[in-house]
N, C-alpha and C. Protein backbone atom coordinates (compact mmCIF):
# COMPACT_ATOMS: atom_id res chain seq x y z
N ASP A 1 0.62 -1.17 0.05
CA ASP A 1 0.07 0.22 0.02
C ASP A 1 0.99 1.16 -0.01
N ASN A 2 0.22 2.23 -0.46
CA ASN A 2 1.03 3.38 -0.63
C ASN A 2 1.95 4.24 0.93
N ASP A 3 1.09 3.86 2.09
CA ASP A 3 1.81 4.28 3.19
C ASP A 3 2.95 3.41 3.58
N SER A 4 3.04 2.19 3.42
CA SER A 4 4.32 1.48 3.54
C SER A 4 5.38 1.75 2.56
N VAL A 5 4.98 2.11 1.24
CA VAL A 5 6.32 2.60 0.20
C VAL A 5 6.51 3.82 0.83
N THR A 6 5.58 5.06 1.22
CA THR A 6 6.05 6.17 1.61
C THR A 6 7.14 6.06 2.96
N TYR A 7 6.69 5.08 3.87
CA TYR A 7 7.64 4.88 5.13
C TYR A 7 8.88 4.33 4.38
N HIS A 8 9.00 3.15 3.75
CA HIS A 8 10.20 2.66 3.03
C HIS A 8 11.28 3.79 2.28
N ILE A 9 10.70 4.87 1.61
CA ILE A 9 11.28 5.69 0.92
C ILE A 9 11.74 6.96 1.87
N SER A 10 11.08 7.24 3.16
CA SER A 10 11.57 8.25 3.88
C SER A 10 12.64 7.28 4.77
N LEU A 11 12.44 6.05 4.99
CA LEU A 11 13.49 5.29 6.07
C LEU A 11 15.01 5.36 4.72
N MET A 12 14.75 5.07 3.83
CA MET A 12 16.14 5.18 3.20
C MET A 12 16.61 6.44 2.92
N ASN A 13 15.81 7.50 2.64
CA ASN A 13 16.47 8.97 2.93
C ASN A 13 17.12 9.18 4.22
N LEU A 14 16.20 8.78 5.60
CA LEU A 14 17.00 9.13 6.53
C LEU A 14 18.18 8.58 6.72
N LEU A 15 18.32 7.18 6.41
CA LEU A 15 19.58 6.30 6.56
C LEU A 15 20.60 6.81 5.73
N SER A 16 20.33 7.55 4.42
CA SER A 16 21.41 8.05 3.73
C SER A 16 21.87 9.42 4.10
N THR A 17 21.00 9.93 5.08
CA THR A 17 21.05 11.38 5.44
C THR A 17 22.34 11.21 6.71
N LEU A 18 22.07 10.18 7.17
CA LEU A 18 22.65 9.83 8.42
C LEU A 18 24.28 9.25 8.08
N ALA A 19 24.33 8.82 7.03
CA ALA A 19 25.71 8.49 6.43
C ALA A 19 26.44 9.61 5.50
N GLU A 20 25.80 10.55 5.55
CA GLU A 20 26.48 11.70 4.88
C GLU A 20 27.68 12.09 5.88
N GLY A 21 27.62 11.84 7.21
CA GLY A 21 28.62 12.35 7.96
C GLY A 21 29.71 11.09 8.10
N GLU A 22 29.73 10.54 7.41
CA GLU A 22 30.67 9.64 7.15
C GLU A 22 31.17 8.79 8.37
N VAL A 23 30.17 8.53 9.23
CA VAL A 23 30.24 7.81 10.41
C VAL A 23 30.22 6.33 10.21
N ARG A 24 31.44 5.58 10.28
CA ARG A 24 31.61 4.39 9.87
C ARG A 24 30.53 3.21 10.54
N PHE A 25 30.30 3.71 11.81
CA PHE A 25 29.19 2.78 12.55
C PHE A 25 27.80 2.92 11.82
N VAL A 26 27.43 3.94 11.35
CA VAL A 26 26.21 4.21 10.66
C VAL A 26 26.21 3.82 9.26
N GLU A 27 27.47 3.48 8.54
CA GLU A 27 27.58 3.05 7.24
C GLU A 27 27.47 1.51 7.18
N SER A 28 27.89 0.82 8.46
CA SER A 28 28.14 -0.48 8.28
C SER A 28 26.89 -0.82 8.76
N VAL A 29 25.90 -0.34 9.84
CA VAL A 29 24.43 -0.98 9.70
C VAL A 29 23.67 -0.55 8.53
N CYS A 30 23.88 0.62 7.82
CA CYS A 30 23.03 0.55 6.86
C CYS A 30 23.61 -0.25 5.66
N ARG A 31 24.82 -0.71 5.51
CA ARG A 31 25.11 -2.10 4.77
C ARG A 31 24.66 -3.45 5.18
N THR A 32 24.26 -3.22 6.15
CA THR A 32 23.59 -4.41 6.90
C THR A 32 22.20 -4.70 6.66
N LEU A 33 21.72 -3.78 6.53
CA LEU A 33 20.25 -3.60 6.59
C LEU A 33 19.84 -3.63 5.19
N VAL A 34 20.56 -3.06 4.15
CA VAL A 34 20.04 -3.27 2.82
C VAL A 34 21.48 -3.47 1.72
N SER A 35 21.53 -4.11 1.27
CA SER A 35 22.84 -4.75 0.25
C SER A 35 23.07 -3.96 -1.00
N MET A 36 24.01 -3.76 -1.08
CA MET A 36 24.32 -3.14 -2.66
C MET A 36 23.61 -3.70 -3.97
N LYS A 37 23.23 -4.91 -4.34
CA LYS A 37 22.76 -5.44 -5.03
C LYS A 37 21.18 -5.06 -4.88
N ASP A 38 20.37 -5.05 -3.92
CA ASP A 38 19.36 -4.45 -3.73
C ASP A 38 19.07 -3.19 -4.04
N VAL A 39 19.83 -2.30 -3.45
CA VAL A 39 19.81 -0.98 -4.28
C VAL A 39 20.04 -0.63 -5.56
N VAL A 40 21.13 -1.32 -5.94
CA VAL A 40 21.39 -1.30 -7.61
C VAL A 40 19.68 -1.92 -8.26
N PHE A 41 19.28 -2.85 -7.98
CA PHE A 41 18.16 -3.45 -8.50
C PHE A 41 16.91 -2.80 -8.47
N THR A 42 16.91 -1.74 -7.49
CA THR A 42 15.74 -0.92 -7.45
C THR A 42 16.22 0.39 -8.35
N LEU A 43 17.41 0.95 -8.43
CA LEU A 43 17.64 2.20 -8.95
C LEU A 43 17.39 1.41 -10.62
N LEU A 44 17.70 0.38 -11.25
CA LEU A 44 17.42 -0.06 -12.61
C LEU A 44 15.98 -0.53 -12.52
N ASP A 45 15.13 -0.26 -11.73
CA ASP A 45 13.61 -0.95 -12.18
C ASP A 45 12.97 0.51 -12.54
N THR A 46 12.70 0.53 -13.79
CA THR A 46 12.10 1.86 -14.58
C THR A 46 10.71 1.44 -14.09
N THR A 47 10.23 0.61 -13.62
CA THR A 47 8.34 0.60 -13.24
C THR A 47 8.65 1.57 -12.21
N ILE A 48 9.35 1.74 -11.45
CA ILE A 48 9.12 2.76 -10.25
C ILE A 48 9.50 4.10 -10.68
N PRO A 49 8.91 5.04 -10.28
CA PRO A 49 8.96 6.31 -10.88
C PRO A 49 10.37 7.00 -10.46
N LEU A 50 10.90 7.83 -11.16
CA LEU A 50 12.27 8.44 -10.73
C LEU A 50 12.36 8.79 -9.34
N GLU A 51 11.41 9.76 -9.04
CA GLU A 51 11.27 10.51 -7.66
C GLU A 51 11.05 9.62 -6.50
N ARG A 52 11.03 8.51 -6.54
CA ARG A 52 10.88 7.31 -5.82
C ARG A 52 12.46 6.59 -5.59
N ARG A 53 12.82 6.76 -6.75
CA ARG A 53 14.34 6.03 -6.56
C ARG A 53 15.43 6.94 -6.07
N LEU A 54 15.11 8.35 -6.14
CA LEU A 54 16.22 9.07 -5.57
C LEU A 54 16.60 8.86 -4.43
N PRO A 55 16.20 8.66 -3.30
CA PRO A 55 16.48 8.24 -2.03
C PRO A 55 17.67 6.88 -1.91
N TYR A 56 17.08 6.06 -3.30
CA TYR A 56 18.07 4.85 -3.36
C TYR A 56 19.74 5.24 -4.01
N PHE A 57 19.24 6.05 -4.87
CA PHE A 57 20.78 6.93 -5.39
C PHE A 57 21.45 7.59 -4.16
N LYS A 58 20.64 8.25 -3.22
CA LYS A 58 21.68 8.75 -2.39
C LYS A 58 22.13 7.83 -1.25
N PHE A 59 21.53 6.79 -0.95
CA PHE A 59 21.96 5.76 -0.16
C PHE A 59 23.21 5.26 -0.78
N LEU A 60 23.15 4.82 -2.04
CA LEU A 60 24.11 4.10 -2.92
C LEU A 60 25.37 5.11 -2.98
N THR A 61 25.19 6.26 -3.13
CA THR A 61 26.59 7.32 -3.11
C THR A 61 27.05 7.36 -1.52
N TRP A 62 26.10 7.69 -0.52
CA TRP A 62 26.84 8.01 1.04
C TRP A 62 27.19 6.45 1.69
N VAL A 63 26.54 5.38 1.14
CA VAL A 63 26.60 4.15 2.31
C VAL A 63 27.47 3.35 1.62
N TYR A 64 27.53 3.62 0.10
CA TYR A 64 28.55 2.37 -0.73
C TYR A 64 29.81 3.07 -1.56
N LEU A 65 29.44 4.16 -2.05
CA LEU A 65 30.43 4.86 -3.02
C LEU A 65 31.51 5.69 -2.06
N ARG A 66 30.85 6.78 -1.43
CA ARG A 66 31.59 7.75 -0.64
C ARG A 66 32.51 7.04 0.53
N SER A 67 31.94 5.75 1.23
CA SER A 67 32.94 5.23 1.99
C SER A 67 33.93 4.34 1.44
N ALA A 68 33.61 4.18 0.18
CA ALA A 68 34.76 3.08 -0.46
C ALA A 68 35.98 4.11 -0.97
N GLU A 69 35.28 5.38 -1.29
CA GLU A 69 36.36 6.54 -2.04
C GLU A 69 37.15 6.45 -0.76
N GLY A 70 36.64 6.92 0.50
CA GLY A 70 37.43 7.23 1.77
C GLY A 70 38.42 6.17 2.13
N SER A 71 37.98 4.95 1.68
CA SER A 71 39.16 3.61 1.99
C SER A 71 39.71 3.28 1.28
N VAL A 72 39.58 3.91 -0.20
CA VAL A 72 40.92 4.02 -1.06
C VAL A 72 41.72 5.02 -0.84
N GLU A 73 41.28 6.07 -0.72
CA GLU A 73 42.25 7.25 -0.06
C GLU A 73 43.02 6.99 1.18
N SER A 74 42.65 6.25 2.11
CA SER A 74 43.24 5.70 3.46
C SER A 74 44.01 4.87 3.41
N GLY A 75 43.99 4.19 2.18
CA GLY A 75 44.92 3.17 2.07
C GLY A 75 44.16 1.74 2.50
N ALA A 76 43.01 1.78 2.98
CA ALA A 76 42.53 0.55 3.55
C ALA A 76 42.08 -0.70 2.42
N PHE A 77 42.47 -0.41 1.51
CA PHE A 77 42.03 -1.34 0.16
C PHE A 77 43.66 -1.83 -0.07
N GLY A 78 44.62 -1.31 0.14
CA GLY A 78 46.08 -1.62 -0.03
C GLY A 78 46.34 -1.15 -1.49
N TYR A 79 45.81 0.01 -1.79
CA TYR A 79 46.37 0.89 -2.64
C TYR A 79 46.96 2.01 -2.16
N GLU A 80 48.01 2.56 -2.94
CA GLU A 80 48.97 3.48 -2.72
C GLU A 80 48.60 4.57 -3.44
């Protein structure tokens, strides 16, 4: 139903906003709750209106991409 969809989208937006501060604990919790595969699957689903997919893009950016960027810069992946 529409209320549960709205709740889910709001939750994704909240989680991604919390991850914006690059708090490793929050990023870890977010990764535990939602896999990258699920996020990408949702982003690629063209039956979902774009405005409903935007929180997933924000989530992908802050939980997976930005945190990985910081890990590479810090040498956590073994790159110099």
